[in-house]
């Protein structure tokens, strides 16, 4: 996606479902740690309520944004926008990171800027 900065690429990832959706009240707190929707359909679903808080923190570390569009009983669309440094060729450190889980690779490569030993 064009962004006006030649050294950065703008990437948007959209996740969409036609599930139970979220109430406007829950959308206001959904990024708070340990928040869970109070809905009889989700009481049997295990979880800590940390997933969205962690996701937002990772995206914020990458100078990105998360947008949520949800309608109760209709579904949810979540769009994550991040800006990443463009590379002309693959760096050696990237080859060392390829076997890591994607989320960890993204944190190391683009947020933390760790130099790995060769």
PDB file of N, CA and C in Angstrom:
ATOM      1  N   UNK A   1       0.850  -1.174   0.000  1.00  0.00           N
ATOM      2  CA  UNK A   1       0.000   0.000   0.000  1.00  0.00           C
ATOM      3  C   UNK A   1       0.899   1.241   0.000  1.00  0.00           C
ATOM      4  N   UNK A   2       0.675   2.197  -0.881  1.00  0.00           N
ATOM      5  CA  UNK A   2       1.496   3.414  -0.893  1.00  0.00           C
ATOM      6  C   UNK A   2       1.339   4.181   0.416  1.00  0.00           C
ATOM      7  N   UNK A   3       2.461   4.793   0.890  1.00  0.00           N
ATOM      8  CA  UNK A   3       2.386   5.515   2.154  1.00  0.00           C
ATOM      9  C   UNK A   3       3.117   6.845   2.155  1.00  0.00           C
ATOM     10  N   UNK A   4       3.792   7.219   1.081  1.00  0.00           N
ATOM     11  CA  UNK A   4       4.479   8.494   1.028  1.00  0.00           C
ATOM     12  C   UNK A   4       5.902   8.467   1.546  1.00  0.00           C
ATOM     13  N   UNK A   5       6.371   7.347   2.077  1.00  0.00           N
ATOM     14  CA  UNK A   5       7.735   7.223   2.556  1.00  0.00           C
ATOM     15  C   UNK A   5       8.419   6.132   1.747  1.00  0.00           C
ATOM     16  N   UNK A   6       9.434   6.497   0.972  1.00  0.00           N
ATOM     17  CA  UNK A   6      10.053   5.523   0.072  1.00  0.00           C
ATOM     18  C   UNK A   6      10.816   4.438   0.811  1.00  0.00           C
ATOM     19  N   UNK A   7      11.251   4.695   2.057  1.00  0.00           N
ATOM     20  CA  UNK A   7      12.022   3.693   2.782  1.00  0.00           C
ATOM     21  C   UNK A   7      11.151   2.755   3.623  1.00  0.00           C
ATOM     22  N   UNK A   8       9.844   3.018   3.656  1.00  0.00           N
ATOM     23  CA  UNK A   8       8.935   2.180   4.435  1.00  0.00           C
ATOM     24  C   UNK A   8       7.846   1.590   3.553  1.00  0.00           C
ATOM     25  N   UNK A   9       7.486   0.358   3.853  1.00  0.00           N
ATOM     26  CA  UNK A   9       6.344  -0.267   3.203  1.00  0.00           C
ATOM     27  C   UNK A   9       5.186  -0.324   4.183  1.00  0.00           C
ATOM     28  N   UNK A  10       3.996  -0.019   3.723  1.00  0.00           N
ATOM     29  CA  UNK A  10       2.801  -0.077   4.568  1.00  0.00           C
ATOM     30  C   UNK A  10       2.084  -1.390   4.278  1.00  0.00           C
ATOM     31  N   UNK A  11       1.891  -2.184   5.312  1.00  0.00           N
ATOM     32  CA  UNK A  11       1.250  -3.483   5.168  1.00  0.00           C
ATOM     33  C   UNK A  11      -0.030  -3.503   5.990  1.00  0.00           C
ATOM     34  N   UNK A  12      -1.109  -3.961   5.377  1.00  0.00           N
ATOM     35  CA  UNK A  12      -2.381  -4.110   6.077  1.00  0.00           C
ATOM     36  C   UNK A  12      -2.792  -5.574   6.049  1.00  0.00           C
ATOM     37  N   UNK A  13      -3.145  -6.076   7.223  1.00  0.00           N
ATOM     38  CA  UNK A  13      -3.632  -7.440   7.372  1.00  0.00           C
ATOM     39  C   UNK A  13      -5.054  -7.346   7.909  1.00  0.00           C
ATOM     40  N   UNK A  14      -5.993  -7.971   7.227  1.00  0.00           N
ATOM     41  CA  UNK A  14      -7.384  -7.928   7.653  1.00  0.00           C
ATOM     42  C   UNK A  14      -7.862  -9.332   7.989  1.00  0.00           C
ATOM     43  N   UNK A  15      -8.448  -9.449   9.162  1.00  0.00           N
ATOM     44  CA  UNK A  15      -9.038 -10.705   9.618  1.00  0.00           C
ATOM     45  C   UNK A  15     -10.527 -10.432   9.782  1.00  0.00           C
ATOM     46  N   UNK A  16     -11.346 -11.265   9.143  1.00  0.00           N
ATOM     47  CA  UNK A  16     -12.785 -11.017   9.163  1.00  0.00           C
ATOM     48  C   UNK A  16     -13.534 -12.325   9.391  1.00  0.00           C
ATOM     49  N   UNK A  17     -14.603 -12.251  10.169  1.00  0.00           N
ATOM     50  CA  UNK A  17     -15.456 -13.423  10.343  1.00  0.00           C
ATOM     51  C   UNK A  17     -16.919 -12.998  10.344  1.00  0.00           C
ATOM     52  N   UNK A  18     -17.777 -13.986  10.271  1.00  0.00           N
ATOM     53  CA  UNK A  18     -19.219 -13.716  10.344  1.00  0.00           C
ATOM     54  C   UNK A  18     -19.785 -14.390  11.590  1.00  0.00           C
ATOM     55  N   UNK A  19     -19.014 -14.299  12.672  1.00  0.00           N
ATOM     56  CA  UNK A  19     -19.382 -14.948  13.927  1.00  0.00           C
ATOM     57  C   UNK A  19     -20.324 -14.120  14.775  1.00  0.00           C
ATOM     58  N   UNK A  20     -20.148 -14.216  16.090  1.00  0.00           N
ATOM     59  CA  UNK A  20     -21.095 -13.604  17.026  1.00  0.00           C
ATOM     60  C   UNK A  20     -20.905 -12.102  17.172  1.00  0.00           C
ATOM     61  N   UNK A  21     -19.791 -11.567  16.709  1.00  0.00           N
ATOM     62  CA  UNK A  21     -19.555 -10.134  16.824  1.00  0.00           C
ATOM     63  C   UNK A  21     -19.321  -9.709  18.266  1.00  0.00           C
ATOM     64  N   UNK A  22     -19.135  -8.414  18.455  1.00  0.00           N
ATOM     65  CA  UNK A  22     -18.872  -7.868  19.787  1.00  0.00           C
ATOM     66  C   UNK A  22     -19.781  -6.672  20.040  1.00  0.00           C
ATOM     67  N   UNK A  23     -20.195  -6.545  21.279  1.00  0.00           N
ATOM     68  CA  UNK A  23     -21.030  -5.403  21.656  1.00  0.00           C
ATOM     69  C   UNK A  23     -20.181  -4.135  21.664  1.00  0.00           C
ATOM     70  N   UNK A  24     -20.813  -2.980  21.472  1.00  0.00           N
ATOM     71  CA  UNK A  24     -20.070  -1.715  21.564  1.00  0.00           C
ATOM     72  C   UNK A  24     -19.395  -1.543  22.932  1.00  0.00           C
ATOM     73  N   UNK A  25     -20.028  -2.019  23.990  1.00  0.00           N
ATOM     74  CA  UNK A  25     -19.457  -1.911  25.332  1.00  0.00           C
ATOM     75  C   UNK A  25     -18.168  -2.717  25.442  1.00  0.00           C
ATOM     76  N   UNK A  26     -18.171  -3.946  24.907  1.00  0.00           N
ATOM     77  CA  UNK A  26     -16.970  -4.770  24.982  1.00  0.00           C
ATOM     78  C   UNK A  26     -15.863  -4.208  24.100  1.00  0.00           C
ATOM     79  N   UNK A  27     -16.212  -3.636  22.965  1.00  0.00           N
ATOM     80  CA  UNK A  27     -15.195  -3.065  22.084  1.00  0.00           C
ATOM     81  C   UNK A  27     -14.401  -1.966  22.783  1.00  0.00           C
ATOM     82  N   UNK A  28     -15.021  -1.269  23.723  1.00  0.00           N
ATOM     83  CA  UNK A  28     -14.331  -0.203  24.454  1.00  0.00           C
ATOM     84  C   UNK A  28     -13.249  -0.745  25.382  1.00  0.00           C
ATOM     85  N   UNK A  29     -13.397  -1.997  25.834  1.00  0.00           N
ATOM     86  CA  UNK A  29     -12.443  -2.567  26.797  1.00  0.00           C
ATOM     87  C   UNK A  29     -11.698  -3.775  26.248  1.00  0.00           C
ATOM     88  N   UNK A  30     -11.903  -4.119  25.008  1.00  0.00           N
ATOM     89  CA  UNK A  30     -11.357  -5.371  24.481  1.00  0.00           C
ATOM     90  C   UNK A  30      -9.836  -5.443  24.502  1.00  0.00           C
ATOM     91  N   UNK A  31      -9.150  -4.296  24.538  1.00  0.00           N
ATOM     92  CA  UNK A  31      -7.692  -4.300  24.585  1.00  0.00           C
ATOM     93  C   UNK A  31      -7.158  -4.241  26.011  1.00  0.00           C
ATOM     94  N   UNK A  32      -8.036  -4.165  27.002  1.00  0.00           N
ATOM     95  CA  UNK A  32      -7.614  -4.178  28.401  1.00  0.00           C
ATOM     96  C   UNK A  32      -7.205  -5.599  28.783  1.00  0.00           C
ATOM     97  N   UNK A  33      -6.087  -5.748  29.525  1.00  0.00           N
ATOM     98  CA  UNK A  33      -5.681  -7.090  29.949  1.00  0.00           C
ATOM     99  C   UNK A  33      -6.783  -7.784  30.745  1.00  0.00           C
ATOM    100  N   UNK A  34      -6.960  -9.048  30.487  1.00  0.00           N
ATOM    101  CA  UNK A  34      -7.907  -9.940  31.158  1.00  0.00           C
ATOM    102  C   UNK A  34      -9.371  -9.634  30.850  1.00  0.00           C
ATOM    103  N   UNK A  35      -9.636  -8.833  29.822  1.00  0.00           N
ATOM    104  CA  UNK A  35     -11.036  -8.557  29.472  1.00  0.00           C
ATOM    105  C   UNK A  35     -11.575  -9.683  28.598  1.00  0.00           C
ATOM    106  N   UNK A  36     -12.785 -10.096  28.912  1.00  0.00           N
ATOM    107  CA  UNK A  36     -13.470 -11.136  28.150  1.00  0.00           C
ATOM    108  C   UNK A  36     -14.918 -10.733  27.984  1.00  0.00           C
ATOM    109  N   UNK A  37     -15.467 -11.066  26.834  1.00  0.00           N
ATOM    110  CA  UNK A  37     -16.872 -10.745  26.579  1.00  0.00           C
ATOM    111  C   UNK A  37     -17.754 -11.519  27.545  1.00  0.00           C
ATOM    112  N   UNK A  38     -18.749 -10.859  28.080  1.00  0.00           N
ATOM    113  CA  UNK A  38     -19.697 -11.498  28.991  1.00  0.00           C
ATOM    114  C   UNK A  38     -20.879 -11.979  28.158  1.00  0.00           C
ATOM    115  N   UNK A  39     -20.726 -13.175  27.609  1.00  0.00           N
ATOM    116  CA  UNK A  39     -21.724 -13.704  26.684  1.00  0.00           C
ATOM    117  C   UNK A  39     -21.866 -15.197  26.949  1.00  0.00           C
ATOM    118  N   UNK A  40     -23.079 -15.674  27.031  1.00  0.00           N
ATOM    119  CA  UNK A  40     -23.306 -17.095  27.335  1.00  0.00           C
ATOM    120  C   UNK A  40     -22.689 -18.019  26.283  1.00  0.00           C
ATOM    121  N   UNK A  41     -22.465 -17.531  25.069  1.00  0.00           N
ATOM    122  CA  UNK A  41     -21.881 -18.370  24.012  1.00  0.00           C
ATOM    123  C   UNK A  41     -20.383 -18.562  24.180  1.00  0.00           C
ATOM    124  N   UNK A  42     -19.746 -17.726  24.994  1.00  0.00           N
ATOM    125  CA  UNK A  42     -18.297 -17.833  25.156  1.00  0.00           C
ATOM    126  C   UNK A  42     -17.882 -18.344  26.528  1.00  0.00           C
ATOM    127  N   UNK A  43     -18.816 -18.682  27.389  1.00  0.00           N
ATOM    128  CA  UNK A  43     -18.455 -19.113  28.742  1.00  0.00           C
ATOM    129  C   UNK A  43     -17.687 -20.425  28.745  1.00  0.00           C
ATOM    130  N   UNK A  44     -17.874 -21.251  27.745  1.00  0.00           N
ATOM    131  CA  UNK A  44     -17.171 -22.536  27.687  1.00  0.00           C
ATOM    132  C   UNK A  44     -15.855 -22.435  26.938  1.00  0.00           C
ATOM    133  N   UNK A  45     -15.549 -21.261  26.408  1.00  0.00           N
ATOM    134  CA  UNK A  45     -14.292 -21.044  25.689  1.00  0.00           C
ATOM    135  C   UNK A  45     -13.236 -20.617  26.698  1.00  0.00           C
ATOM    136  N   UNK A  46     -12.143 -21.386  26.746  1.00  0.00           N
ATOM    137  CA  UNK A  46     -11.083 -21.059  27.690  1.00  0.00           C
ATOM    138  C   UNK A  46     -10.216 -19.939  27.137  1.00  0.00           C
ATOM    139  N   UNK A  47      -9.648 -19.178  28.017  1.00  0.00           N
ATOM    140  CA  UNK A  47      -8.742 -18.102  27.637  1.00  0.00           C
ATOM    141  C   UNK A  47      -8.531 -17.170  28.807  1.00  0.00           C
ATOM    142  N   UNK A  48      -7.472 -16.388  28.705  1.00  0.00           N
ATOM    143  CA  UNK A  48      -7.136 -15.469  29.791  1.00  0.00           C
ATOM    144  C   UNK A  48      -7.622 -14.054  29.537  1.00  0.00           C
ATOM    145  N   UNK A  49      -7.965 -13.737  28.304  1.00  0.00           N
ATOM    146  CA  UNK A  49      -8.331 -12.369  27.977  1.00  0.00           C
ATOM    147  C   UNK A  49      -7.122 -11.489  27.727  1.00  0.00           C
ATOM    148  N   UNK A  50      -5.984 -12.113  27.431  1.00  0.00           N
ATOM    149  CA  UNK A  50      -4.760 -11.350  27.180  1.00  0.00           C
ATOM    150  C   UNK A  50      -4.421 -11.216  25.700  1.00  0.00           C
ATOM    151  N   UNK A  51      -5.060 -11.987  24.848  1.00  0.00           N
ATOM    152  CA  UNK A  51      -4.680 -12.028  23.437  1.00  0.00           C
ATOM    153  C   UNK A  51      -4.707 -10.683  22.740  1.00  0.00           C
ATOM    154  N   UNK A  52      -5.777  -9.930  22.893  1.00  0.00           N
ATOM    155  CA  UNK A  52      -5.878  -8.640  22.203  1.00  0.00           C
ATOM    156  C   UNK A  52      -4.957  -7.598  22.836  1.00  0.00           C
ATOM    157  N   UNK A  53      -4.764  -7.650  24.150  1.00  0.00           N
ATOM    158  CA  UNK A  53      -3.842  -6.719  24.810  1.00  0.00           C
ATOM    159  C   UNK A  53      -2.416  -6.950  24.318  1.00  0.00           C
ATOM    160  N   UNK A  54      -2.015  -8.208  24.227  1.00  0.00           N
ATOM    161  CA  UNK A  54      -0.679  -8.535  23.732  1.00  0.00           C
ATOM    162  C   UNK A  54      -0.544  -8.134  22.271  1.00  0.00           C
ATOM    163  N   UNK A  55      -1.552  -8.432  21.474  1.00  0.00           N
ATOM    164  CA  UNK A  55      -1.516  -8.071  20.049  1.00  0.00           C
ATOM    165  C   UNK A  55      -1.363  -6.569  19.868  1.00  0.00           C
ATOM    166  N   UNK A  56      -2.131  -5.794  20.614  1.00  0.00           N
ATOM    167  CA  UNK A  56      -2.038  -4.335  20.490  1.00  0.00           C
ATOM    168  C   UNK A  56      -0.653  -3.843  20.892  1.00  0.00           C
ATOM    169  N   UNK A  57      -0.080  -4.412  21.945  1.00  0.00           N
ATOM    170  CA  UNK A  57       1.252  -3.994  22.375  1.00  0.00           C
ATOM    171  C   UNK A  57       2.304  -4.297  21.321  1.00  0.00           C
ATOM    172  N   UNK A  58       2.215  -5.457  20.684  1.00  0.00           N
ATOM    173  CA  UNK A  58       3.166  -5.794  19.623  1.00  0.00           C
ATOM    174  C   UNK A  58       3.020  -4.828  18.457  1.00  0.00           C
ATOM    175  N   UNK A  59       1.789  -4.574  18.042  1.00  0.00           N
ATOM    176  CA  UNK A  59       1.551  -3.654  16.925  1.00  0.00           C
ATOM    177  C   UNK A  59       2.023  -2.247  17.288  1.00  0.00           C
ATOM    178  N   UNK A  60       1.782  -1.800  18.514  1.00  0.00           N
ATOM    179  CA  UNK A  60       2.256  -0.486  18.944  1.00  0.00           C
ATOM    180  C   UNK A  60       3.776  -0.399  18.924  1.00  0.00           C
ATOM    181  N   UNK A  61       4.455  -1.473  19.333  1.00  0.00           N
ATOM    182  CA  UNK A  61       5.918  -1.499  19.278  1.00  0.00           C
ATOM    183  C   UNK A  61       6.428  -1.323  17.853  1.00  0.00           C
ATOM    184  N   UNK A  62       5.621  -1.733  16.899  1.00  0.00           N
ATOM    185  CA  UNK A  62       5.994  -1.632  15.488  1.00  0.00           C
ATOM    186  C   UNK A  62       5.453  -0.345  14.859  1.00  0.00           C
ATOM    187  N   UNK A  63       5.011   0.604  15.687  1.00  0.00           N
ATOM    188  CA  UNK A  63       4.437   1.872  15.216  1.00  0.00           C
ATOM    189  C   UNK A  63       3.248   1.649  14.293  1.00  0.00           C
ATOM    190  N   UNK A  64       2.451   0.645  14.600  1.00  0.00           N
ATOM    191  CA  UNK A  64       1.289   0.320  13.776  1.00  0.00           C
ATOM    192  C   UNK A  64      -0.015   0.677  14.459  1.00  0.00           C
ATOM    193  N   UNK A  65      -1.087   0.139  13.903  1.00  0.00           N
ATOM    194  CA  UNK A  65      -2.430   0.457  14.372  1.00  0.00           C
ATOM    195  C   UNK A  65      -3.330  -0.769  14.217  1.00  0.00           C
ATOM    196  N   UNK A  66      -4.264  -0.929  15.137  1.00  0.00           N
ATOM    197  CA  UNK A  66      -5.298  -1.960  15.024  1.00  0.00           C
ATOM    198  C   UNK A  66      -6.648  -1.258  14.985  1.00  0.00           C
ATOM    199  N   UNK A  67      -7.437  -1.580  13.964  1.00  0.00           N
ATOM    200  CA  UNK A  67      -8.784  -1.019  13.835  1.00  0.00           C
ATOM    201  C   UNK A  67      -9.783  -2.166  13.944  1.00  0.00           C
ATOM    202  N   UNK A  68     -10.809  -1.976  14.746  1.00  0.00           N
ATOM    203  CA  UNK A  68     -11.825  -3.004  14.957  1.00  0.00           C
ATOM    204  C   UNK A  68     -13.171  -2.478  14.480  1.00  0.00           C
ATOM    205  N   UNK A  69     -13.828  -3.278  13.651  1.00  0.00           N
ATOM    206  CA  UNK A  69     -15.189  -2.971  13.203  1.00  0.00           C
ATOM    207  C   UNK A  69     -16.015  -4.225  13.470  1.00  0.00           C
ATOM    208  N   UNK A  70     -16.924  -4.150  14.432  1.00  0.00           N
ATOM    209  CA  UNK A  70     -17.694  -5.326  14.817  1.00  0.00           C
ATOM    210  C   UNK A  70     -19.144  -4.949  15.073  1.00  0.00           C
ATOM    211  N   UNK A  71     -20.028  -5.837  14.662  1.00  0.00           N
ATOM    212  CA  UNK A  71     -21.454  -5.676  14.917  1.00  0.00           C
ATOM    213  C   UNK A  71     -21.950  -6.944  15.599  1.00  0.00           C
ATOM    214  N   UNK A  72     -22.581  -6.774  16.733  1.00  0.00           N
ATOM    215  CA  UNK A  72     -23.091  -7.911  17.492  1.00  0.00           C
ATOM    216  C   UNK A  72     -24.025  -8.748  16.623  1.00  0.00           C
ATOM    217  N   UNK A  73     -23.835 -10.052  16.643  1.00  0.00           N
ATOM    218  CA  UNK A  73     -24.611 -11.044  15.890  1.00  0.00           C
ATOM    219  C   UNK A  73     -24.338 -11.008  14.384  1.00  0.00           C
ATOM    220  N   UNK A  74     -23.363 -10.228  13.937  1.00  0.00           N
ATOM    221  CA  UNK A  74     -23.057 -10.149  12.496  1.00  0.00           C
ATOM    222  C   UNK A  74     -21.619 -10.552  12.190  1.00  0.00           C
ATOM    223  N   UNK A  75     -20.671 -10.190  13.039  1.00  0.00           N
ATOM    224  CA  UNK A  75     -19.283 -10.529  12.780  1.00  0.00           C
ATOM    225  C   UNK A  75     -18.332  -9.387  13.099  1.00  0.00           C
ATOM    226  N   UNK A  76     -17.057  -9.657  12.839  1.00  0.00           N
ATOM    227  CA  UNK A  76     -15.990  -8.729  13.203  1.00  0.00           C
ATOM    228  C   UNK A  76     -14.967  -8.645  12.087  1.00  0.00           C
ATOM    229  N   UNK A  77     -14.444  -7.447  11.895  1.00  0.00           N
ATOM    230  CA  UNK A  77     -13.313  -7.226  10.984  1.00  0.00           C
ATOM    231  C   UNK A  77     -12.245  -6.477  11.776  1.00  0.00           C
ATOM    232  N   UNK A  78     -11.050  -7.051  11.814  1.00  0.00           N
ATOM    233  CA  UNK A  78      -9.918  -6.414  12.478  1.00  0.00           C
ATOM    234  C   UNK A  78      -8.860  -6.157  11.418  1.00  0.00           C
ATOM    235  N   UNK A  79      -8.390  -4.917  11.345  1.00  0.00           N
ATOM    236  CA  UNK A  79      -7.358  -4.543  10.384  1.00  0.00           C
ATOM    237  C   UNK A  79      -6.134  -4.071  11.154  1.00  0.00           C
ATOM    238  N   UNK A  80      -5.004  -4.704  10.867  1.00  0.00           N
ATOM    239  CA  UNK A  80      -3.727  -4.329  11.465  1.00  0.00           C
ATOM    240  C   UNK A  80      -2.903  -3.654  10.381  1.00  0.00           C
ATOM    241  N   UNK A  81      -2.419  -2.451  10.670  1.00  0.00           N
ATOM    242  CA  UNK A  81      -1.571  -1.714   9.741  1.00  0.00           C
ATOM    243  C   UNK A  81      -0.213  -1.517  10.396  1.00  0.00           C
ATOM    244  N   UNK A  82       0.842  -1.911   9.685  1.00  0.00           N
ATOM    245  CA  UNK A  82       2.200  -1.710  10.189  1.00  0.00           C
ATOM    246  C   UNK A  82       3.071  -1.167   9.065  1.00  0.00           C
ATOM    247  N   UNK A  83       4.100  -0.438   9.455  1.00  0.00           N
ATOM    248  CA  UNK A  83       5.060   0.122   8.509  1.00  0.00           C
ATOM    249  C   UNK A  83       6.393  -0.562   8.748  1.00  0.00           C
ATOM    250  N   UNK A  84       6.921  -1.152   7.688  1.00  0.00           N
ATOM    251  CA  UNK A  84       8.162  -1.904   7.802  1.00  0.00           C
ATOM    252  C   UNK A  84       9.204  -1.335   6.853  1.00  0.00           C
ATOM    253  N   UNK A  85      10.442  -1.389   7.283  1.00  0.00           N
ATOM    254  CA  UNK A  85      11.562  -0.935   6.476  1.00  0.00           C
ATOM    255  C   UNK A  85      11.679  -1.813   5.231  1.00  0.00           C
ATOM    256  N   UNK A  86      11.802  -1.170   4.077  1.00  0.00           N
ATOM    257  CA  UNK A  86      11.977  -1.917   2.835  1.00  0.00           C
ATOM    258  C   UNK A  86      13.421  -2.385   2.719  1.00  0.00           C
ATOM    259  N   UNK A  87      13.609  -3.569   2.197  1.00  0.00           N
ATOM    260  CA  UNK A  87      14.934  -4.140   2.020  1.00  0.00           C
ATOM    261  C   UNK A  87      15.156  -4.448   0.550  1.00  0.00           C
ATOM    262  N   UNK A  88      16.363  -4.149   0.062  1.00  0.00           N
ATOM    263  CA  UNK A  88      16.658  -4.488  -1.330  1.00  0.00           C
ATOM    264  C   UNK A  88      16.998  -5.957  -1.477  1.00  0.00           C
ATOM    265  N   UNK A  89      17.670  -6.508  -0.486  1.00  0.00           N
ATOM    266  CA  UNK A  89      17.959  -7.939  -0.534  1.00  0.00           C
ATOM    267  C   UNK A  89      17.917  -8.497   0.879  1.00  0.00           C
ATOM    268  N   UNK A  90      17.703  -9.777   0.947  1.00  0.00           N
ATOM    269  CA  UNK A  90      17.576 -10.443   2.239  1.00  0.00           C
ATOM    270  C   UNK A  90      18.879 -10.337   3.022  1.00  0.00           C
ATOM    271  N   UNK A  91      18.778  -9.914   4.260  1.00  0.00           N
ATOM    272  CA  UNK A  91      19.947  -9.827   5.119  1.00  0.00           C
ATOM    273  C   UNK A  91      20.254 -11.200   5.707  1.00  0.00           C
ATOM    274  N   UNK A  92      21.507 -11.415   6.036  1.00  0.00           N
ATOM    275  CA  UNK A  92      21.936 -12.688   6.607  1.00  0.00           C
ATOM    276  C   UNK A  92      21.174 -12.999   7.899  1.00  0.00           C
ATOM    277  N   UNK A  93      20.923 -11.965   8.729  1.00  0.00           N
ATOM    278  CA  UNK A  93      20.224 -12.237   9.989  1.00  0.00           C
ATOM    279  C   UNK A  93      18.807 -12.732   9.739  1.00  0.00           C
ATOM    280  N   UNK A  94      18.188 -12.308   8.633  1.00  0.00           N
ATOM    281  CA  UNK A  94      16.844 -12.783   8.324  1.00  0.00           C
ATOM    282  C   UNK A  94      16.838 -14.278   8.060  1.00  0.00           C
ATOM    283  N   UNK A  95      17.887 -14.783   7.441  1.00  0.00           N
ATOM    284  CA  UNK A  95      17.972 -16.220   7.178  1.00  0.00           C
ATOM    285  C   UNK A  95      18.000 -16.998   8.491  1.00  0.00           C
ATOM    286  N   UNK A  96      18.652 -16.431   9.505  1.00  0.00           N
ATOM    287  CA  UNK A  96      18.736 -17.097  10.807  1.00  0.00           C
ATOM    288  C   UNK A  96      17.402 -17.096  11.543  1.00  0.00           C
ATOM    289  N   UNK A  97      16.508 -16.189  11.177  1.00  0.00           N
ATOM    290  CA  UNK A  97      15.231 -16.048  11.874  1.00  0.00           C
ATOM    291  C   UNK A  97      14.094 -16.847  11.244  1.00  0.00           C
ATOM    292  N   UNK A  98      14.309 -17.420  10.092  1.00  0.00           N
ATOM    293  CA  UNK A  98      13.221 -18.027   9.324  1.00  0.00           C
ATOM    294  C   UNK A  98      12.526 -19.190  10.023  1.00  0.00           C
ATOM    295  N   UNK A  99      13.174 -19.865  10.953  1.00  0.00           N
ATOM    296  CA  UNK A  99      12.544 -21.006  11.622  1.00  0.00           C
ATOM    297  C   UNK A  99      11.779 -20.610  12.881  1.00  0.00           C
ATOM    298  N   UNK A 100      11.766 -19.324  13.212  1.00  0.00           N
ATOM    299  CA  UNK A 100      11.030 -18.855  14.386  1.00  0.00           C
ATOM    300  C   UNK A 100       9.555 -18.673  14.051  1.00  0.00           C
ATOM    301  N   UNK A 101       8.681 -18.694  15.062  1.00  0.00           N
ATOM    302  CA  UNK A 101       7.274 -18.352  14.808  1.00  0.00           C
ATOM    303  C   UNK A 101       7.183 -16.939  14.239  1.00  0.00           C
ATOM    304  N   UNK A 102       6.194 -16.721  13.371  1.00  0.00           N
ATOM    305  CA  UNK A 102       6.083 -15.440  12.660  1.00  0.00           C
ATOM    306  C   UNK A 102       6.036 -14.247  13.601  1.00  0.00           C
ATOM    307  N   UNK A 103       5.226 -14.320  14.674  1.00  0.00           N
ATOM    308  CA  UNK A 103       5.096 -13.174  15.585  1.00  0.00           C
ATOM    309  C   UNK A 103       6.420 -12.833  16.238  1.00  0.00           C
ATOM    310  N   UNK A 104       7.218 -13.854  16.593  1.00  0.00           N
ATOM    311  CA  UNK A 104       8.511 -13.608  17.218  1.00  0.00           C
ATOM    312  C   UNK A 104       9.490 -13.039  16.204  1.00  0.00           C
ATOM    313  N   UNK A 105       9.450 -13.560  14.983  1.00  0.00           N
ATOM    314  CA  UNK A 105      10.304 -13.042  13.914  1.00  0.00           C
ATOM    315  C   UNK A 105      10.028 -11.562  13.686  1.00  0.00           C
ATOM    316  N   UNK A 106       8.734 -11.189  13.641  1.00  0.00           N
ATOM    317  CA  UNK A 106       8.369  -9.791  13.411  1.00  0.00           C
ATOM    318  C   UNK A 106       8.878  -8.897  14.542  1.00  0.00           C
ATOM    319  N   UNK A 107       8.736  -9.355  15.784  1.00  0.00           N
ATOM    320  CA  UNK A 107       9.205  -8.542  16.913  1.00  0.00           C
ATOM    321  C   UNK A 107      10.708  -8.335  16.845  1.00  0.00           C
ATOM    322  N   UNK A 108      11.436  -9.401  16.598  1.00  0.00           N
ATOM    323  CA  UNK A 108      12.894  -9.307  16.572  1.00  0.00           C
ATOM    324  C   UNK A 108      13.367  -8.468  15.400  1.00  0.00           C
ATOM    325  N   UNK A 109      12.839  -8.758  14.241  1.00  0.00           N
ATOM    326  CA  UNK A 109      13.334  -8.112  13.026  1.00  0.00           C
ATOM    327  C   UNK A 109      12.959  -6.640  12.944  1.00  0.00           C
ATOM    328  N   UNK A 110      11.745  -6.295  13.314  1.00  0.00           N
ATOM    329  CA  UNK A 110      11.264  -4.948  13.033  1.00  0.00           C
ATOM    330  C   UNK A 110      11.049  -4.066  14.256  1.00  0.00           C
ATOM    331  N   UNK A 111      10.927  -4.621  15.415  1.00  0.00           N
ATOM    332  CA  UNK A 111      10.677  -3.785  16.593  1.00  0.00           C
ATOM    333  C   UNK A 111      11.902  -3.690  17.491  1.00  0.00           C
ATOM    334  N   UNK A 112      12.507  -4.831  17.768  1.00  0.00           N
ATOM    335  CA  UNK A 112      13.599  -4.858  18.719  1.00  0.00           C
ATOM    336  C   UNK A 112      14.942  -4.612  18.044  1.00  0.00           C
ATOM    337  N   UNK A 113      15.069  -4.934  16.754  1.00  0.00           N
ATOM    338  CA  UNK A 113      16.294  -4.739  15.971  1.00  0.00           C
ATOM    339  C   UNK A 113      17.491  -5.449  16.603  1.00  0.00           C
ATOM    340  N   UNK A 114      17.331  -6.712  16.925  1.00  0.00           N
ATOM    341  CA  UNK A 114      18.390  -7.507  17.530  1.00  0.00           C
ATOM    342  C   UNK A 114      19.335  -7.997  16.450  1.00  0.00           C
ATOM    343  N   UNK A 115      20.638  -7.912  16.704  1.00  0.00           N
ATOM    344  CA  UNK A 115      21.635  -8.482  15.807  1.00  0.00           C
ATOM    345  C   UNK A 115      21.967  -9.882  16.317  1.00  0.00           C
ATOM    346  N   UNK A 116      21.729 -10.882  15.497  1.00  0.00           N
ATOM    347  CA  UNK A 116      22.020 -12.253  15.882  1.00  0.00           C
ATOM    348  C   UNK A 116      23.439 -12.620  15.472  1.00  0.00           C
ATOM    349  N   UNK A 117      24.114 -13.481  16.260  1.00  0.00           N
ATOM    350  CA  UNK A 117      25.454 -13.932  15.867  1.00  0.00           C
ATOM    351  C   UNK A 117      25.359 -14.806  14.623  1.00  0.00           C
ATOM    352  N   UNK A 118      26.379 -14.749  13.803  1.00  0.00           N
ATOM    353  CA  UNK A 118      26.391 -15.542  12.553  1.00  0.00           C
ATOM    354  C   UNK A 118      26.861 -16.937  12.812  1.00  0.00           C
TER     355      UNK A 118
END
